[in-house]
């Protein structure tokens, strides 16, 4: 938490409590197929510890929401995320 350095990974926190295990694996594979120059760690928000949840609340940035498809202020997290490619995210 807060210890970025050369070679750091990219931490993505997804709010999708209904995401199935198979859709989670498909999503991880799709991200891996992007061949990004960073290791991507994908976590589900409802699985975070209290300390990590507090850290996300303090410094996290919302990158996308399904409703508006814009990035809202960091304190207005979406209640769900929807993707036609991942029906488990509905």
C-alpha atoms as a PDB file:
ATOM      1  CA  UNK A   1       0.000   0.000   0.000  1.00  0.00           C
ATOM      2  CA  UNK A   2       1.554   3.209  -1.197  1.00  0.00           C
ATOM      3  CA  UNK A   3       4.955   1.684  -1.964  1.00  0.00           C
ATOM      4  CA  UNK A   4       5.287   2.146  -5.705  1.00  0.00           C
ATOM      5  CA  UNK A   5       8.662   1.467  -7.234  1.00  0.00           C
ATOM      6  CA  UNK A   6      10.067   0.561 -10.659  1.00  0.00           C
ATOM      7  CA  UNK A   7       8.443  -2.667 -11.794  1.00  0.00           C
ATOM      8  CA  UNK A   8       5.412  -2.185  -9.553  1.00  0.00           C
ATOM      9  CA  UNK A   9       2.225  -3.949 -10.512  1.00  0.00           C
ATOM     10  CA  UNK A  10      -1.145  -2.471 -11.383  1.00  0.00           C
ATOM     11  CA  UNK A  11      -3.782  -3.060  -8.710  1.00  0.00           C
ATOM     12  CA  UNK A  12      -7.384  -3.153  -9.931  1.00  0.00           C
ATOM     13  CA  UNK A  13     -10.267  -3.424  -7.511  1.00  0.00           C
ATOM     14  CA  UNK A  14     -13.533  -4.516  -9.089  1.00  0.00           C
ATOM     15  CA  UNK A  15     -16.875  -4.028  -7.395  1.00  0.00           C
ATOM     16  CA  UNK A  16     -18.801  -7.101  -8.513  1.00  0.00           C
ATOM     17  CA  UNK A  17     -19.961  -9.290  -5.614  1.00  0.00           C
ATOM     18  CA  UNK A  18     -22.008 -11.457  -7.998  1.00  0.00           C
ATOM     19  CA  UNK A  19     -19.034 -12.253 -10.287  1.00  0.00           C
ATOM     20  CA  UNK A  20     -18.751 -16.000 -10.773  1.00  0.00           C
ATOM     21  CA  UNK A  21     -15.444 -17.796 -10.431  1.00  0.00           C
ATOM     22  CA  UNK A  22     -15.435 -18.743 -14.123  1.00  0.00           C
ATOM     23  CA  UNK A  23     -16.088 -15.128 -15.178  1.00  0.00           C
ATOM     24  CA  UNK A  24     -13.335 -13.975 -12.834  1.00  0.00           C
ATOM     25  CA  UNK A  25     -10.917 -16.359 -14.547  1.00  0.00           C
ATOM     26  CA  UNK A  26     -12.088 -15.191 -17.989  1.00  0.00           C
ATOM     27  CA  UNK A  27     -11.511 -11.585 -16.949  1.00  0.00           C
ATOM     28  CA  UNK A  28      -8.027 -12.363 -15.628  1.00  0.00           C
ATOM     29  CA  UNK A  29      -7.190 -14.145 -18.895  1.00  0.00           C
ATOM     30  CA  UNK A  30      -8.500 -11.212 -20.946  1.00  0.00           C
ATOM     31  CA  UNK A  31      -6.346  -8.772 -18.965  1.00  0.00           C
ATOM     32  CA  UNK A  32      -3.349 -11.084 -19.336  1.00  0.00           C
ATOM     33  CA  UNK A  33      -3.936 -11.232 -23.118  1.00  0.00           C
ATOM     34  CA  UNK A  34      -3.425  -7.445 -23.293  1.00  0.00           C
ATOM     35  CA  UNK A  35       0.326  -7.992 -22.819  1.00  0.00           C
ATOM     36  CA  UNK A  36       0.599  -4.932 -20.588  1.00  0.00           C
ATOM     37  CA  UNK A  37       4.059  -3.968 -19.336  1.00  0.00           C
ATOM     38  CA  UNK A  38       2.835  -4.442 -15.739  1.00  0.00           C
ATOM     39  CA  UNK A  39       1.680  -7.380 -13.683  1.00  0.00           C
ATOM     40  CA  UNK A  40      -2.041  -6.823 -13.022  1.00  0.00           C
ATOM     41  CA  UNK A  41      -3.522  -7.805  -9.666  1.00  0.00           C
ATOM     42  CA  UNK A  42      -7.305  -8.049  -9.744  1.00  0.00           C
ATOM     43  CA  UNK A  43      -9.173  -8.058  -6.443  1.00  0.00           C
ATOM     44  CA  UNK A  44     -12.861  -7.985  -5.675  1.00  0.00           C
ATOM     45  CA  UNK A  45     -13.865  -5.189  -3.363  1.00  0.00           C
ATOM     46  CA  UNK A  46     -16.137  -7.321  -1.191  1.00  0.00           C
ATOM     47  CA  UNK A  47     -13.143  -9.610  -0.442  1.00  0.00           C
ATOM     48  CA  UNK A  48     -10.835  -6.845   0.851  1.00  0.00           C
ATOM     49  CA  UNK A  49      -9.667  -6.673   4.439  1.00  0.00           C
ATOM     50  CA  UNK A  50     -10.821  -3.649   6.441  1.00  0.00           C
ATOM     51  CA  UNK A  51      -7.343  -2.059   6.166  1.00  0.00           C
ATOM     52  CA  UNK A  52      -7.179  -2.460   2.399  1.00  0.00           C
ATOM     53  CA  UNK A  53     -10.770  -1.242   1.996  1.00  0.00           C
ATOM     54  CA  UNK A  54      -9.846   1.906   3.940  1.00  0.00           C
ATOM     55  CA  UNK A  55      -6.805   2.379   1.682  1.00  0.00           C
ATOM     56  CA  UNK A  56      -8.986   2.070  -1.444  1.00  0.00           C
ATOM     57  CA  UNK A  57     -11.407   4.628   0.032  1.00  0.00           C
ATOM     58  CA  UNK A  58      -8.536   7.058   0.655  1.00  0.00           C
ATOM     59  CA  UNK A  59      -6.490   6.813  -2.538  1.00  0.00           C
ATOM     60  CA  UNK A  60      -8.459   4.674  -4.990  1.00  0.00           C
ATOM     61  CA  UNK A  61      -9.722   6.115  -8.254  1.00  0.00           C
ATOM     62  CA  UNK A  62     -12.808   4.909 -10.096  1.00  0.00           C
ATOM     63  CA  UNK A  63     -11.831   4.307 -13.716  1.00  0.00           C
ATOM     64  CA  UNK A  64     -15.214   3.361 -15.167  1.00  0.00           C
ATOM     65  CA  UNK A  65     -18.858   2.931 -14.241  1.00  0.00           C
ATOM     66  CA  UNK A  66     -21.508   1.202 -16.306  1.00  0.00           C
ATOM     67  CA  UNK A  67     -24.245   3.775 -15.776  1.00  0.00           C
ATOM     68  CA  UNK A  68     -22.483   6.889 -16.997  1.00  0.00           C
ATOM     69  CA  UNK A  69     -19.350   5.436 -18.626  1.00  0.00           C
ATOM     70  CA  UNK A  70     -17.387   8.298 -17.078  1.00  0.00           C
ATOM     71  CA  UNK A  71     -15.028   8.412 -14.136  1.00  0.00           C
ATOM     72  CA  UNK A  72     -16.806   9.933 -11.122  1.00  0.00           C
ATOM     73  CA  UNK A  73     -15.172  11.553  -8.125  1.00  0.00           C
ATOM     74  CA  UNK A  74     -13.225   8.971  -6.119  1.00  0.00           C
ATOM     75  CA  UNK A  75     -15.803   8.842  -3.313  1.00  0.00           C
ATOM     76  CA  UNK A  76     -18.743   7.891  -5.549  1.00  0.00           C
ATOM     77  CA  UNK A  77     -18.084   4.219  -6.200  1.00  0.00           C
ATOM     78  CA  UNK A  78     -20.598   2.371  -8.377  1.00  0.00           C
ATOM     79  CA  UNK A  79     -22.849  -0.163  -6.742  1.00  0.00           C
ATOM     80  CA  UNK A  80     -22.310  -2.570  -9.613  1.00  0.00           C
ATOM     81  CA  UNK A  81     -20.409  -2.983 -12.843  1.00  0.00           C
ATOM     82  CA  UNK A  82     -21.968  -4.373 -16.014  1.00  0.00           C
ATOM     83  CA  UNK A  83     -20.281  -5.727 -19.118  1.00  0.00           C
ATOM     84  CA  UNK A  84     -21.815  -7.557 -22.045  1.00  0.00           C
ATOM     85  CA  UNK A  85     -18.595  -9.545 -22.349  1.00  0.00           C
ATOM     86  CA  UNK A  86     -18.941 -10.731 -18.740  1.00  0.00           C
ATOM     87  CA  UNK A  87     -22.600 -11.374 -17.951  1.00  0.00           C
ATOM     88  CA  UNK A  88     -21.641 -12.345 -14.391  1.00  0.00           C
ATOM     89  CA  UNK A  89     -20.866  -8.666 -13.773  1.00  0.00           C
ATOM     90  CA  UNK A  90     -24.519  -7.645 -14.070  1.00  0.00           C
END
